[in-house]
Amino acid sequence: MFVTSLFVLASFTAPEEIKTNPQSMIWLVPLVAAIAVAYKATKVPKISARSFLRETVAVFGSIVAFIIVAALVLHALAWLITE
């Protein structure tokens, strides 16, 4: 058990290399999901499963949509500057 714990802790000593390609945006999905759940958990006055899930999905979708729009705008801007 102790050796396994050391191996798990040792894996956090080197950063994960994330390349700069469109597929690397997949790494954002768990982060955005955690942010949406934590944000809604702190903002909803009364938590019921149905409304919490609906509002969390709405926040998740809006964050992902904003990230996609921002990425497309930045990509277009970089293309205009470099061409």
PDB file of N, CA and C in Angstrom:
ATOM      1  N   MET A   1       0.835  -1.195   0.000  1.00  0.00           N
ATOM      2  CA  MET A   1       0.000   0.000   0.000  1.00  0.00           C
ATOM      3  C   MET A   1       0.875   1.254   0.000  1.00  0.00           C
ATOM      4  N   PHE A   2       1.906   1.284   0.824  1.00  0.00           N
ATOM      5  CA  PHE A   2       2.780   2.443   0.925  1.00  0.00           C
ATOM      6  C   PHE A   2       3.544   2.657  -0.380  1.00  0.00           C
ATOM      7  N   VAL A   3       3.998   1.572  -0.996  1.00  0.00           N
ATOM      8  CA  VAL A   3       4.745   1.677  -2.255  1.00  0.00           C
ATOM      9  C   VAL A   3       3.834   2.198  -3.357  1.00  0.00           C
ATOM     10  N   THR A   4       2.607   1.724  -3.398  1.00  0.00           N
ATOM     11  CA  THR A   4       1.644   2.201  -4.393  1.00  0.00           C
ATOM     12  C   THR A   4       1.386   3.693  -4.216  1.00  0.00           C
ATOM     13  N   SER A   5       1.264   4.115  -2.980  1.00  0.00           N
ATOM     14  CA  SER A   5       1.051   5.540  -2.717  1.00  0.00           C
ATOM     15  C   SER A   5       2.238   6.369  -3.185  1.00  0.00           C
ATOM     16  N   LEU A   6       3.433   5.848  -2.989  1.00  0.00           N
ATOM     17  CA  LEU A   6       4.623   6.566  -3.447  1.00  0.00           C
ATOM     18  C   LEU A   6       4.657   6.676  -4.970  1.00  0.00           C
ATOM     19  N   PHE A   7       4.250   5.615  -5.664  1.00  0.00           N
ATOM     20  CA  PHE A   7       4.220   5.668  -7.126  1.00  0.00           C
ATOM     21  C   PHE A   7       3.183   6.686  -7.615  1.00  0.00           C
ATOM     22  N   VAL A   8       2.046   6.742  -6.955  1.00  0.00           N
ATOM     23  CA  VAL A   8       1.016   7.713  -7.337  1.00  0.00           C
ATOM     24  C   VAL A   8       1.523   9.128  -7.099  1.00  0.00           C
ATOM     25  N   LEU A   9       2.131   9.372  -5.951  1.00  0.00           N
ATOM     26  CA  LEU A   9       2.677  10.697  -5.670  1.00  0.00           C
ATOM     27  C   LEU A   9       3.815  11.056  -6.608  1.00  0.00           C
ATOM     28  N   ALA A  10       4.630  10.092  -6.970  1.00  0.00           N
ATOM     29  CA  ALA A  10       5.755  10.354  -7.867  1.00  0.00           C
ATOM     30  C   ALA A  10       5.277  10.733  -9.271  1.00  0.00           C
ATOM     31  N   SER A  11       4.106  10.265  -9.657  1.00  0.00           N
ATOM     32  CA  SER A  11       3.604  10.600 -10.990  1.00  0.00           C
ATOM     33  C   SER A  11       3.231  12.072 -11.104  1.00  0.00           C
ATOM     34  N   PHE A  12       3.055  12.769  -9.984  1.00  0.00           N
ATOM     35  CA  PHE A  12       2.716  14.184 -10.014  1.00  0.00           C
ATOM     36  C   PHE A  12       3.948  15.089 -10.023  1.00  0.00           C
ATOM     37  N   THR A  13       5.143  14.529 -10.044  1.00  0.00           N
ATOM     38  CA  THR A  13       6.346  15.356 -10.019  1.00  0.00           C
ATOM     39  C   THR A  13       6.711  15.892 -11.388  1.00  0.00           C
ATOM     40  N   ALA A  14       6.251  15.259 -12.452  1.00  0.00           N
ATOM     41  CA  ALA A  14       6.525  15.726 -13.808  1.00  0.00           C
ATOM     42  C   ALA A  14       5.205  16.153 -14.448  1.00  0.00           C
ATOM     43  N   PRO A  15       5.178  17.325 -15.070  1.00  0.00           N
ATOM     44  CA  PRO A  15       3.921  17.783 -15.677  1.00  0.00           C
ATOM     45  C   PRO A  15       3.537  16.945 -16.891  1.00  0.00           C
ATOM     46  N   GLU A  16       2.262  16.825 -17.114  1.00  0.00           N
ATOM     47  CA  GLU A  16       1.747  16.126 -18.288  1.00  0.00           C
ATOM     48  C   GLU A  16       1.970  17.004 -19.509  1.00  0.00           C
ATOM     49  N   GLU A  17       2.523  16.434 -20.567  1.00  0.00           N
ATOM     50  CA  GLU A  17       2.758  17.213 -21.779  1.00  0.00           C
ATOM     51  C   GLU A  17       1.498  17.197 -22.629  1.00  0.00           C
ATOM     52  N   ILE A  18       0.940  18.381 -22.834  1.00  0.00           N
ATOM     53  CA  ILE A  18      -0.249  18.527 -23.664  1.00  0.00           C
ATOM     54  C   ILE A  18       0.156  19.311 -24.899  1.00  0.00           C
ATOM     55  N   LYS A  19      -0.030  18.708 -26.046  1.00  0.00           N
ATOM     56  CA  LYS A  19       0.378  19.339 -27.287  1.00  0.00           C
ATOM     57  C   LYS A  19      -0.597  20.461 -27.673  1.00  0.00           C
ATOM     58  N   THR A  20      -0.221  21.262 -28.635  1.00  0.00           N
ATOM     59  CA  THR A  20      -1.065  22.366 -29.082  1.00  0.00           C
ATOM     60  C   THR A  20      -1.770  21.996 -30.380  1.00  0.00           C
ATOM     61  N   ASN A  21      -2.679  21.051 -30.284  1.00  0.00           N
ATOM     62  CA  ASN A  21      -3.473  20.655 -31.431  1.00  0.00           C
ATOM     63  C   ASN A  21      -4.943  20.628 -31.010  1.00  0.00           C
ATOM     64  N   PRO A  22      -5.860  20.558 -31.965  1.00  0.00           N
ATOM     65  CA  PRO A  22      -7.281  20.578 -31.594  1.00  0.00           C
ATOM     66  C   PRO A  22      -7.706  19.417 -30.688  1.00  0.00           C
ATOM     67  N   GLN A  23      -7.042  18.280 -30.783  1.00  0.00           N
ATOM     68  CA  GLN A  23      -7.412  17.143 -29.943  1.00  0.00           C
ATOM     69  C   GLN A  23      -7.095  17.398 -28.468  1.00  0.00           C
ATOM     70  N   SER A  24      -6.179  18.294 -28.199  1.00  0.00           N
ATOM     71  CA  SER A  24      -5.837  18.582 -26.802  1.00  0.00           C
ATOM     72  C   SER A  24      -6.954  19.313 -26.080  1.00  0.00           C
ATOM     73  N   MET A  25      -7.922  19.855 -26.827  1.00  0.00           N
ATOM     74  CA  MET A  25      -9.069  20.516 -26.199  1.00  0.00           C
ATOM     75  C   MET A  25      -9.930  19.509 -25.436  1.00  0.00           C
ATOM     76  N   ILE A  26      -9.781  18.228 -25.725  1.00  0.00           N
ATOM     77  CA  ILE A  26     -10.529  17.197 -24.999  1.00  0.00           C
ATOM     78  C   ILE A  26     -10.151  17.217 -23.519  1.00  0.00           C
ATOM     79  N   TRP A  27      -8.920  17.625 -23.202  1.00  0.00           N
ATOM     80  CA  TRP A  27      -8.484  17.695 -21.803  1.00  0.00           C
ATOM     81  C   TRP A  27      -9.300  18.727 -21.012  1.00  0.00           C
ATOM     82  N   LEU A  28      -9.954  19.652 -21.702  1.00  0.00           N
ATOM     83  CA  LEU A  28     -10.744  20.665 -21.013  1.00  0.00           C
ATOM     84  C   LEU A  28     -12.072  20.135 -20.481  1.00  0.00           C
ATOM     85  N   VAL A  29     -12.563  19.051 -21.051  1.00  0.00           N
ATOM     86  CA  VAL A  29     -13.899  18.559 -20.681  1.00  0.00           C
ATOM     87  C   VAL A  29     -14.011  18.212 -19.188  1.00  0.00           C
ATOM     88  N   PRO A  30     -13.105  17.424 -18.601  1.00  0.00           N
ATOM     89  CA  PRO A  30     -13.250  17.145 -17.170  1.00  0.00           C
ATOM     90  C   PRO A  30     -13.071  18.393 -16.306  1.00  0.00           C
ATOM     91  N   LEU A  31     -12.199  19.289 -16.726  1.00  0.00           N
ATOM     92  CA  LEU A  31     -12.002  20.520 -15.975  1.00  0.00           C
ATOM     93  C   LEU A  31     -13.258  21.386 -16.009  1.00  0.00           C
ATOM     94  N   VAL A  32     -13.852  21.538 -17.173  1.00  0.00           N
ATOM     95  CA  VAL A  32     -15.076  22.332 -17.297  1.00  0.00           C
ATOM     96  C   VAL A  32     -16.215  21.685 -16.518  1.00  0.00           C
ATOM     97  N   ALA A  33     -16.310  20.361 -16.543  1.00  0.00           N
ATOM     98  CA  ALA A  33     -17.352  19.673 -15.776  1.00  0.00           C
ATOM     99  C   ALA A  33     -17.188  19.920 -14.278  1.00  0.00           C
ATOM    100  N   ALA A  34     -15.971  19.846 -13.789  1.00  0.00           N
ATOM    101  CA  ALA A  34     -15.727  20.094 -12.365  1.00  0.00           C
ATOM    102  C   ALA A  34     -16.041  21.533 -11.996  1.00  0.00           C
ATOM    103  N   ILE A  35     -15.687  22.473 -12.860  1.00  0.00           N
ATOM    104  CA  ILE A  35     -15.990  23.881 -12.593  1.00  0.00           C
ATOM    105  C   ILE A  35     -17.489  24.113 -12.576  1.00  0.00           C
ATOM    106  N   ALA A  36     -18.217  23.528 -13.513  1.00  0.00           N
ATOM    107  CA  ALA A  36     -19.667  23.714 -13.578  1.00  0.00           C
ATOM    108  C   ALA A  36     -20.359  23.141 -12.348  1.00  0.00           C
ATOM    109  N   VAL A  37     -19.943  21.959 -11.924  1.00  0.00           N
ATOM    110  CA  VAL A  37     -20.557  21.342 -10.734  1.00  0.00           C
ATOM    111  C   VAL A  37     -20.244  22.156  -9.488  1.00  0.00           C
ATOM    112  N   ALA A  38     -18.993  22.558  -9.330  1.00  0.00           N
ATOM    113  CA  ALA A  38     -18.622  23.329  -8.139  1.00  0.00           C
ATOM    114  C   ALA A  38     -19.309  24.683  -8.129  1.00  0.00           C
ATOM    115  N   TYR A  39     -19.406  25.336  -9.270  1.00  0.00           N
ATOM    116  CA  TYR A  39     -20.051  26.646  -9.336  1.00  0.00           C
ATOM    117  C   TYR A  39     -21.529  26.534  -8.977  1.00  0.00           C
ATOM    118  N   LYS A  40     -22.213  25.574  -9.572  1.00  0.00           N
ATOM    119  CA  LYS A  40     -23.642  25.427  -9.287  1.00  0.00           C
ATOM    120  C   LYS A  40     -23.892  24.952  -7.863  1.00  0.00           C
ATOM    121  N   ALA A  41     -22.993  24.168  -7.312  1.00  0.00           N
ATOM    122  CA  ALA A  41     -23.163  23.712  -5.929  1.00  0.00           C
ATOM    123  C   ALA A  41     -23.077  24.874  -4.951  1.00  0.00           C
ATOM    124  N   THR A  42     -22.312  25.890  -5.294  1.00  0.00           N
ATOM    125  CA  THR A  42     -22.194  27.043  -4.398  1.00  0.00           C
ATOM    126  C   THR A  42     -23.249  28.104  -4.664  1.00  0.00           C
ATOM    127  N   LYS A  43     -23.863  28.123  -5.842  1.00  0.00           N
ATOM    128  CA  LYS A  43     -24.806  29.181  -6.200  1.00  0.00           C
ATOM    129  C   LYS A  43     -26.275  28.805  -6.042  1.00  0.00           C
ATOM    130  N   VAL A  44     -26.614  27.536  -6.092  1.00  0.00           N
ATOM    131  CA  VAL A  44     -28.017  27.121  -6.009  1.00  0.00           C
ATOM    132  C   VAL A  44     -28.456  27.141  -4.552  1.00  0.00           C
ATOM    133  N   PRO A  45     -29.539  27.883  -4.236  1.00  0.00           N
ATOM    134  CA  PRO A  45     -29.965  27.946  -2.833  1.00  0.00           C
ATOM    135  C   PRO A  45     -30.531  26.625  -2.303  1.00  0.00           C
ATOM    136  N   LYS A  46     -31.270  25.911  -3.138  1.00  0.00           N
ATOM    137  CA  LYS A  46     -31.831  24.618  -2.735  1.00  0.00           C
ATOM    138  C   LYS A  46     -31.514  23.614  -3.834  1.00  0.00           C
ATOM    139  N   ILE A  47     -30.819  22.548  -3.462  1.00  0.00           N
ATOM    140  CA  ILE A  47     -30.378  21.574  -4.461  1.00  0.00           C
ATOM    141  C   ILE A  47     -31.386  20.437  -4.557  1.00  0.00           C
ATOM    142  N   SER A  48     -31.966  20.296  -5.743  1.00  0.00           N
ATOM    143  CA  SER A  48     -32.741  19.107  -6.075  1.00  0.00           C
ATOM    144  C   SER A  48     -32.064  18.498  -7.300  1.00  0.00           C
ATOM    145  N   ALA A  49     -32.126  17.217  -7.426  1.00  0.00           N
ATOM    146  CA  ALA A  49     -31.343  16.515  -8.447  1.00  0.00           C
ATOM    147  C   ALA A  49     -31.669  17.003  -9.855  1.00  0.00           C
ATOM    148  N   ARG A  50     -32.940  17.155 -10.160  1.00  0.00           N
ATOM    149  CA  ARG A  50     -33.331  17.524 -11.516  1.00  0.00           C
ATOM    150  C   ARG A  50     -32.878  18.945 -11.881  1.00  0.00           C
ATOM    151  N   SER A  51     -33.150  19.908 -11.014  1.00  0.00           N
ATOM    152  CA  SER A  51     -32.783  21.287 -11.332  1.00  0.00           C
ATOM    153  C   SER A  51     -31.266  21.475 -11.293  1.00  0.00           C
ATOM    154  N   PHE A  52     -30.600  20.795 -10.360  1.00  0.00           N
ATOM    155  CA  PHE A  52     -29.148  20.906 -10.270  1.00  0.00           C
ATOM    156  C   PHE A  52     -28.491  20.367 -11.532  1.00  0.00           C
ATOM    157  N   LEU A  53     -28.962  19.220 -11.998  1.00  0.00           N
ATOM    158  CA  LEU A  53     -28.398  18.630 -13.213  1.00  0.00           C
ATOM    159  C   LEU A  53     -28.667  19.510 -14.424  1.00  0.00           C
ATOM    160  N   ARG A  54     -29.882  20.042 -14.525  1.00  0.00           N
ATOM    161  CA  ARG A  54     -30.238  20.891 -15.654  1.00  0.00           C
ATOM    162  C   ARG A  54     -29.387  22.169 -15.678  1.00  0.00           C
ATOM    163  N   GLU A  55     -29.240  22.805 -14.533  1.00  0.00           N
ATOM    164  CA  GLU A  55     -28.462  24.041 -14.478  1.00  0.00           C
ATOM    165  C   GLU A  55     -26.971  23.778 -14.664  1.00  0.00           C
ATOM    166  N   THR A  56     -26.482  22.651 -14.160  1.00  0.00           N
ATOM    167  CA  THR A  56     -25.075  22.305 -14.352  1.00  0.00           C
ATOM    168  C   THR A  56     -24.776  22.043 -15.821  1.00  0.00           C
ATOM    169  N   VAL A  57     -25.670  21.350 -16.503  1.00  0.00           N
ATOM    170  CA  VAL A  57     -25.489  21.094 -17.937  1.00  0.00           C
ATOM    171  C   VAL A  57     -25.533  22.411 -18.715  1.00  0.00           C
ATOM    172  N   ALA A  58     -26.392  23.341 -18.298  1.00  0.00           N
ATOM    173  CA  ALA A  58     -26.464  24.636 -18.974  1.00  0.00           C
ATOM    174  C   ALA A  58     -25.163  25.418 -18.794  1.00  0.00           C
ATOM    175  N   VAL A  59     -24.608  25.423 -17.594  1.00  0.00           N
ATOM    176  CA  VAL A  59     -23.339  26.117 -17.354  1.00  0.00           C
ATOM    177  C   VAL A  59     -22.220  25.426 -18.118  1.00  0.00           C
ATOM    178  N   PHE A  60     -22.195  24.096 -18.099  1.00  0.00           N
ATOM    179  CA  PHE A  60     -21.187  23.337 -18.840  1.00  0.00           C
ATOM    180  C   PHE A  60     -21.246  23.686 -20.325  1.00  0.00           C
ATOM    181  N   GLY A  61     -22.440  23.684 -20.892  1.00  0.00           N
ATOM    182  CA  GLY A  61     -22.603  23.999 -22.306  1.00  0.00           C
ATOM    183  C   GLY A  61     -22.185  25.414 -22.646  1.00  0.00           C
ATOM    184  N   SER A  62     -22.516  26.360 -21.778  1.00  0.00           N
ATOM    185  CA  SER A  62     -22.144  27.747 -22.067  1.00  0.00           C
ATOM    186  C   SER A  62     -20.631  27.943 -21.978  1.00  0.00           C
ATOM    187  N   ILE A  63     -19.972  27.283 -21.039  1.00  0.00           N
ATOM    188  CA  ILE A  63     -18.515  27.388 -20.939  1.00  0.00           C
ATOM    189  C   ILE A  63     -17.854  26.763 -22.164  1.00  0.00           C
ATOM    190  N   VAL A  64     -18.303  25.583 -22.559  1.00  0.00           N
ATOM    191  CA  VAL A  64     -17.729  24.912 -23.731  1.00  0.00           C
ATOM    192  C   VAL A  64     -17.983  25.742 -24.998  1.00  0.00           C
ATOM    193  N   ALA A  65     -19.176  26.306 -25.126  1.00  0.00           N
ATOM    194  CA  ALA A  65     -19.477  27.138 -26.300  1.00  0.00           C
ATOM    195  C   ALA A  65     -18.578  28.365 -26.335  1.00  0.00           C
ATOM    196  N   PHE A  66     -18.369  28.996 -25.191  1.00  0.00           N
ATOM    197  CA  PHE A  66     -17.492  30.161 -25.143  1.00  0.00           C
ATOM    198  C   PHE A  66     -16.059  29.779 -25.510  1.00  0.00           C
ATOM    199  N   ILE A  67     -15.590  28.640 -25.014  1.00  0.00           N
ATOM    200  CA  ILE A  67     -14.227  28.201 -25.327  1.00  0.00           C
ATOM    201  C   ILE A  67     -14.085  27.941 -26.829  1.00  0.00           C
ATOM    202  N   ILE A  68     -15.092  27.325 -27.449  1.00  0.00           N
ATOM    203  CA  ILE A  68     -15.040  27.044 -28.881  1.00  0.00           C
ATOM    204  C   ILE A  68     -15.045  28.339 -29.686  1.00  0.00           C
ATOM    205  N   VAL A  69     -15.920  29.276 -29.318  1.00  0.00           N
ATOM    206  CA  VAL A  69     -15.973  30.558 -30.029  1.00  0.00           C
ATOM    207  C   VAL A  69     -14.661  31.309 -29.862  1.00  0.00           C
ATOM    208  N   ALA A  70     -14.127  31.335 -28.641  1.00  0.00           N
ATOM    209  CA  ALA A  70     -12.858  32.030 -28.403  1.00  0.00           C
ATOM    210  C   ALA A  70     -11.726  31.380 -29.194  1.00  0.00           C
ATOM    211  N   ALA A  71     -11.700  30.060 -29.260  1.00  0.00           N
ATOM    212  CA  ALA A  71     -10.657  29.366 -30.015  1.00  0.00           C
ATOM    213  C   ALA A  71     -10.771  29.669 -31.512  1.00  0.00           C
ATOM    214  N   LEU A  72     -11.983  29.701 -32.033  1.00  0.00           N
ATOM    215  CA  LEU A  72     -12.170  30.005 -33.451  1.00  0.00           C
ATOM    216  C   LEU A  72     -11.774  31.444 -33.775  1.00  0.00           C
ATOM    217  N   VAL A  73     -12.142  32.374 -32.898  1.00  0.00           N
ATOM    218  CA  VAL A  73     -11.770  33.774 -33.117  1.00  0.00           C
ATOM    219  C   VAL A  73     -10.253  33.939 -33.055  1.00  0.00           C
ATOM    220  N   LEU A  74      -9.625  33.328 -32.074  1.00  0.00           N
ATOM    221  CA  LEU A  74      -8.172  33.428 -31.969  1.00  0.00           C
ATOM    222  C   LEU A  74      -7.468  32.752 -33.146  1.00  0.00           C
ATOM    223  N   HIS A  75      -8.019  31.637 -33.600  1.00  0.00           N
ATOM    224  CA  HIS A  75      -7.442  30.953 -34.764  1.00  0.00           C
ATOM    225  C   HIS A  75      -7.563  31.831 -36.012  1.00  0.00           C
ATOM    226  N   ALA A  76      -8.727  32.445 -36.201  1.00  0.00           N
ATOM    227  CA  ALA A  76      -8.915  33.324 -37.350  1.00  0.00           C
ATOM    228  C   ALA A  76      -8.003  34.546 -37.259  1.00  0.00           C
ATOM    229  N   LEU A  77      -7.855  35.096 -36.081  1.00  0.00           N
ATOM    230  CA  LEU A  77      -6.969  36.240 -35.886  1.00  0.00           C
ATOM    231  C   LEU A  77      -5.515  35.875 -36.171  1.00  0.00           C
ATOM    232  N   ALA A  78      -5.087  34.722 -35.702  1.00  0.00           N
ATOM    233  CA  ALA A  78      -3.723  34.268 -35.980  1.00  0.00           C
ATOM    234  C   ALA A  78      -3.531  34.015 -37.465  1.00  0.00           C
ATOM    235  N   TRP A  79      -4.551  33.474 -38.115  1.00  0.00           N
ATOM    236  CA  TRP A  79      -4.455  33.232 -39.560  1.00  0.00           C
ATOM    237  C   TRP A  79      -4.345  34.552 -40.321  1.00  0.00           C
ATOM    238  N   LEU A  80      -5.124  35.571 -39.901  1.00  0.00           N
ATOM    239  CA  LEU A  80      -5.069  36.874 -40.567  1.00  0.00           C
ATOM    240  C   LEU A  80      -3.713  37.548 -40.365  1.00  0.00           C
ATOM    241  N   ILE A  81      -3.151  37.403 -39.189  1.00  0.00           N
ATOM    242  CA  ILE A  81      -1.867  38.051 -38.898  1.00  0.00           C
ATOM    243  C   ILE A  81      -0.725  37.387 -39.658  1.00  0.00           C
ATOM    244  N   THR A  82      -0.759  36.065 -39.752  1.00  0.00           N
ATOM    245  CA  THR A  82       0.363  35.353 -40.364  1.00  0.00           C
ATOM    246  C   THR A  82       0.281  35.275 -41.881  1.00  0.00           C
ATOM    247  N   GLU A  83      -0.863  35.487 -42.471  1.00  0.00           N
ATOM    248  CA  GLU A  83      -1.002  35.406 -43.930  1.00  0.00           C
ATOM    249  C   GLU A  83      -0.661  36.691 -44.587  1.00  0.00           C
TER     250      GLU A  83
END
